[in-house]
Amino acid sequence: MDKKKKPHKGPTILIVIGSLLSLSPVFGFAITVFTMIGSFKTISQNNSGDAETLANEINMSLMATQISFLLLPIGILTAVAGIIWLVIKKNREEKQ
């Protein structure tokens, strides 16, 4: 008898989520670049360079980068956990 192979949804979902979280620094840098461009547009439009407004915009852009770097290890650990889970499930299926 030929058993149907069950899809490994649980580990696959973990691997996909982990991979997406591991890409968070790329998104964080993109947000930083776009926010900094907005900050410099604000300076050029006002011709004054209001320090408080500029500091708030720069702070927001750096927070995006910081959050993205905090998500990176979570993403790596999630992907690794999914891979380990997948390997264990496949090994158990082969033994049966």
N, C-alpha and C. Protein backbone atom coordinates (compact mmCIF):
# COMPACT_ATOMS: atom_id res chain seq x y z
N MET A 1 0.82 -1.19 0.00
CA MET A 1 0.00 0.00 0.00
C MET A 1 0.87 1.25 0.00
N ASP A 2 0.43 2.19 -0.77
CA ASP A 2 1.16 3.45 -0.88
C ASP A 2 0.44 4.51 -0.05
N LYS A 3 1.12 5.00 0.96
CA LYS A 3 0.52 6.04 1.82
C LYS A 3 0.65 7.40 1.15
N LYS A 4 -0.40 8.20 1.29
CA LYS A 4 -0.32 9.56 0.79
C LYS A 4 0.53 10.38 1.75
N LYS A 5 1.39 11.20 1.18
CA LYS A 5 2.20 12.07 2.01
C LYS A 5 1.39 13.28 2.43
N LYS A 6 1.43 13.57 3.71
CA LYS A 6 0.72 14.73 4.23
C LYS A 6 1.58 15.97 4.02
N PRO A 7 0.97 17.07 3.65
CA PRO A 7 1.76 18.30 3.54
C PRO A 7 2.21 18.75 4.93
N HIS A 8 3.35 19.33 4.98
CA HIS A 8 3.92 19.81 6.25
C HIS A 8 3.59 21.28 6.41
N LYS A 9 2.34 21.57 6.76
CA LYS A 9 1.90 22.96 6.83
C LYS A 9 2.54 23.72 7.98
N GLY A 10 2.59 23.12 9.16
CA GLY A 10 3.13 23.81 10.33
C GLY A 10 4.56 24.29 10.14
N PRO A 11 5.49 23.38 9.81
CA PRO A 11 6.87 23.82 9.61
C PRO A 11 7.03 24.79 8.46
N THR A 12 6.25 24.57 7.40
CA THR A 12 6.36 25.44 6.23
C THR A 12 5.94 26.87 6.58
N ILE A 13 4.87 26.99 7.36
CA ILE A 13 4.42 28.32 7.78
C ILE A 13 5.49 29.00 8.63
N LEU A 14 6.11 28.26 9.55
CA LEU A 14 7.17 28.84 10.36
C LEU A 14 8.35 29.29 9.51
N ILE A 15 8.71 28.50 8.53
CA ILE A 15 9.84 28.85 7.67
C ILE A 15 9.54 30.11 6.87
N VAL A 16 8.32 30.21 6.34
CA VAL A 16 7.94 31.40 5.56
C VAL A 16 7.91 32.64 6.45
N ILE A 17 7.31 32.54 7.62
CA ILE A 17 7.25 33.69 8.54
C ILE A 17 8.66 34.09 8.96
N GLY A 18 9.49 33.11 9.28
CA GLY A 18 10.87 33.41 9.67
C GLY A 18 11.65 34.08 8.55
N SER A 19 11.43 33.61 7.33
CA SER A 19 12.12 34.22 6.19
C SER A 19 11.69 35.66 5.98
N LEU A 20 10.38 35.91 6.10
CA LEU A 20 9.90 37.29 5.94
C LEU A 20 10.42 38.19 7.06
N LEU A 21 10.44 37.69 8.28
CA LEU A 21 10.98 38.50 9.39
C LEU A 21 12.48 38.74 9.21
N SER A 22 13.17 37.79 8.62
CA SER A 22 14.61 37.97 8.39
C SER A 22 14.90 39.05 7.36
N LEU A 23 13.91 39.35 6.52
CA LEU A 23 14.06 40.42 5.54
C LEU A 23 13.72 41.80 6.12
N SER A 24 13.34 41.85 7.37
CA SER A 24 12.90 43.12 7.97
C SER A 24 13.96 44.23 7.91
N PRO A 25 15.28 43.95 8.03
CA PRO A 25 16.23 45.05 7.89
C PRO A 25 16.18 45.73 6.53
N VAL A 26 15.87 44.97 5.48
CA VAL A 26 15.75 45.57 4.15
C VAL A 26 14.60 46.57 4.14
N PHE A 27 13.45 46.16 4.72
CA PHE A 27 12.31 47.06 4.80
C PHE A 27 12.61 48.25 5.71
N GLY A 28 13.32 47.99 6.80
CA GLY A 28 13.69 49.07 7.72
C GLY A 28 14.58 50.11 7.07
N PHE A 29 15.56 49.64 6.28
CA PHE A 29 16.42 50.59 5.57
C PHE A 29 15.64 51.37 4.54
N ALA A 30 14.71 50.71 3.85
CA ALA A 30 13.89 51.41 2.85
C ALA A 30 13.05 52.49 3.52
N ILE A 31 12.45 52.17 4.65
CA ILE A 31 11.66 53.17 5.38
C ILE A 31 12.55 54.31 5.83
N THR A 32 13.76 53.99 6.29
CA THR A 32 14.69 55.03 6.73
C THR A 32 15.04 55.96 5.58
N VAL A 33 15.32 55.40 4.43
CA VAL A 33 15.69 56.22 3.27
C VAL A 33 14.53 57.14 2.88
N PHE A 34 13.32 56.59 2.79
CA PHE A 34 12.19 57.41 2.38
C PHE A 34 11.86 58.48 3.42
N THR A 35 12.01 58.14 4.69
CA THR A 35 11.74 59.13 5.74
C THR A 35 12.79 60.23 5.74
N MET A 36 14.04 59.87 5.51
CA MET A 36 15.10 60.88 5.46
C MET A 36 14.91 61.79 4.25
N ILE A 37 14.48 61.22 3.13
CA ILE A 37 14.19 62.05 1.96
C ILE A 37 13.09 63.05 2.30
N GLY A 38 12.05 62.58 3.00
CA GLY A 38 10.99 63.48 3.45
C GLY A 38 11.49 64.56 4.38
N SER A 39 12.43 64.21 5.25
CA SER A 39 13.01 65.19 6.16
C SER A 39 13.74 66.29 5.39
N PHE A 40 14.52 65.89 4.41
CA PHE A 40 15.26 66.88 3.64
C PHE A 40 14.35 67.71 2.75
N LYS A 41 13.23 67.12 2.29
CA LYS A 41 12.25 67.92 1.54
C LYS A 41 11.63 68.98 2.44
N THR A 42 11.39 68.60 3.70
CA THR A 42 10.83 69.55 4.66
C THR A 42 11.78 70.72 4.86
N ILE A 43 13.07 70.43 4.96
CA ILE A 43 14.07 71.49 5.13
C ILE A 43 14.09 72.40 3.90
N SER A 44 14.07 71.79 2.71
CA SER A 44 14.16 72.60 1.50
C SER A 44 12.90 73.43 1.26
N GLN A 45 11.74 72.92 1.67
CA GLN A 45 10.51 73.67 1.47
C GLN A 45 10.38 74.83 2.44
N ASN A 46 10.83 74.62 3.66
CA ASN A 46 10.71 75.68 4.67
C ASN A 46 11.87 76.67 4.62
N ASN A 47 12.97 76.28 4.01
CA ASN A 47 14.17 77.11 3.94
C ASN A 47 14.67 77.56 5.31
N SER A 48 14.22 76.88 6.34
CA SER A 48 14.66 77.29 7.67
C SER A 48 15.37 76.17 8.41
N GLY A 49 14.90 74.96 8.23
CA GLY A 49 15.51 73.85 8.93
C GLY A 49 15.13 73.82 10.39
N ASP A 50 13.83 73.84 10.66
CA ASP A 50 13.34 73.76 12.03
C ASP A 50 13.92 72.51 12.69
N ALA A 51 14.73 72.70 13.71
CA ALA A 51 15.47 71.60 14.33
C ALA A 51 14.54 70.58 14.98
N GLU A 52 13.47 71.03 15.60
CA GLU A 52 12.58 70.10 16.29
C GLU A 52 11.85 69.20 15.29
N THR A 53 11.35 69.76 14.21
CA THR A 53 10.67 68.97 13.19
C THR A 53 11.62 67.97 12.55
N LEU A 54 12.81 68.45 12.24
CA LEU A 54 13.81 67.58 11.63
C LEU A 54 14.20 66.45 12.59
N ALA A 55 14.37 66.76 13.86
CA ALA A 55 14.74 65.74 14.84
C ALA A 55 13.64 64.70 14.99
N ASN A 56 12.38 65.10 14.95
CA ASN A 56 11.28 64.16 15.06
C ASN A 56 11.24 63.20 13.87
N GLU A 57 11.46 63.74 12.67
CA GLU A 57 11.44 62.90 11.47
C GLU A 57 12.62 61.93 11.43
N ILE A 58 13.79 62.42 11.83
CA ILE A 58 14.96 61.54 11.89
C ILE A 58 14.77 60.47 12.95
N ASN A 59 14.19 60.84 14.08
CA ASN A 59 13.91 59.87 15.14
C ASN A 59 12.99 58.77 14.63
N MET A 60 11.96 59.14 13.89
CA MET A 60 11.03 58.14 13.36
C MET A 60 11.73 57.19 12.39
N SER A 61 12.60 57.73 11.55
CA SER A 61 13.30 56.88 10.59
C SER A 61 14.27 55.93 11.29
N LEU A 62 14.93 56.40 12.31
CA LEU A 62 15.87 55.53 13.03
C LEU A 62 15.14 54.48 13.86
N MET A 63 13.95 54.80 14.34
CA MET A 63 13.15 53.81 15.08
C MET A 63 12.75 52.66 14.15
N ALA A 64 12.43 52.97 12.91
CA ALA A 64 12.08 51.93 11.94
C ALA A 64 13.26 50.98 11.74
N THR A 65 14.46 51.53 11.65
CA THR A 65 15.65 50.70 11.49
C THR A 65 15.89 49.86 12.73
N GLN A 66 15.74 50.45 13.90
CA GLN A 66 15.95 49.73 15.15
C GLN A 66 14.97 48.57 15.29
N ILE A 67 13.71 48.80 15.00
CA ILE A 67 12.71 47.74 15.10
C ILE A 67 13.01 46.62 14.11
N SER A 68 13.46 46.99 12.92
CA SER A 68 13.78 45.96 11.93
C SER A 68 14.94 45.08 12.39
N PHE A 69 15.91 45.66 13.06
CA PHE A 69 17.03 44.85 13.56
C PHE A 69 16.62 44.00 14.76
N LEU A 70 15.63 44.43 15.50
CA LEU A 70 15.12 43.60 16.59
C LEU A 70 14.35 42.40 16.05
N LEU A 71 13.70 42.55 14.90
CA LEU A 71 12.95 41.45 14.30
C LEU A 71 13.84 40.42 13.61
N LEU A 72 15.05 40.81 13.24
CA LEU A 72 15.95 39.90 12.52
C LEU A 72 16.25 38.62 13.30
N PRO A 73 16.70 38.67 14.56
CA PRO A 73 16.97 37.40 15.26
C PRO A 73 15.71 36.57 15.49
N ILE A 74 14.57 37.24 15.67
CA ILE A 74 13.32 36.50 15.84
C ILE A 74 13.01 35.73 14.56
N GLY A 75 13.22 36.37 13.42
CA GLY A 75 12.98 35.71 12.14
C GLY A 75 13.91 34.54 11.91
N ILE A 76 15.17 34.72 12.24
CA ILE A 76 16.14 33.63 12.06
C ILE A 76 15.78 32.44 12.94
N LEU A 77 15.47 32.72 14.21
CA LEU A 77 15.11 31.64 15.13
C LEU A 77 13.83 30.93 14.69
N THR A 78 12.86 31.68 14.18
CA THR A 78 11.61 31.09 13.71
C THR A 78 11.86 30.19 12.50
N ALA A 79 12.67 30.65 11.56
CA ALA A 79 12.97 29.85 10.37
C ALA A 79 13.74 28.59 10.75
N VAL A 80 14.70 28.71 11.64
CA VAL A 80 15.49 27.55 12.08
C VAL A 80 14.59 26.54 12.80
N ALA A 81 13.69 27.04 13.65
CA ALA A 81 12.75 26.15 14.35
C ALA A 81 11.87 25.41 13.34
N GLY A 82 11.40 26.10 12.31
CA GLY A 82 10.59 25.46 11.28
C GLY A 82 11.36 24.40 10.52
N ILE A 83 12.63 24.68 10.22
CA ILE A 83 13.46 23.71 9.49
C ILE A 83 13.70 22.47 10.35
N ILE A 84 14.01 22.68 11.63
CA ILE A 84 14.23 21.55 12.53
C ILE A 84 12.95 20.71 12.66
N TRP A 85 11.82 21.38 12.80
CA TRP A 85 10.54 20.68 12.90
C TRP A 85 10.27 19.87 11.64
N LEU A 86 10.55 20.46 10.48
CA LEU A 86 10.34 19.77 9.21
C LEU A 86 11.23 18.54 9.09
N VAL A 87 12.49 18.65 9.47
CA VAL A 87 13.42 17.52 9.41
C VAL A 87 12.96 16.41 10.35
N ILE A 88 12.54 16.76 11.56
CA ILE A 88 12.07 15.76 12.50
C ILE A 88 10.83 15.04 11.97
N LYS A 89 9.89 15.80 11.39
CA LYS A 89 8.68 15.17 10.83
C LYS A 89 9.03 14.23 9.68
N LYS A 90 9.94 14.64 8.81
CA LYS A 90 10.32 13.80 7.68
C LYS A 90 11.03 12.53 8.15
N ASN A 91 11.88 12.66 9.17
CA ASN A 91 12.57 11.49 9.70
C ASN A 91 11.59 10.51 10.34
N ARG A 92 10.59 11.02 11.03
CA ARG A 92 9.58 10.14 11.64
C ARG A 92 8.77 9.43 10.56
N GLU A 93 8.46 10.12 9.49
CA GLU A 93 7.70 9.50 8.39
C GLU A 93 8.51 8.41 7.71
N GLU A 94 9.80 8.62 7.56
CA GLU A 94 10.64 7.62 6.91
C GLU A 94 10.77 6.36 7.76
N LYS A 95 10.74 6.50 9.07
CA LYS A 95 10.85 5.35 9.96
C LYS A 95 9.58 4.51 9.97
N GLN A 96 8.46 5.12 9.62
CA GLN A 96 7.19 4.37 9.66
C GLN A 96 6.99 3.55 8.44
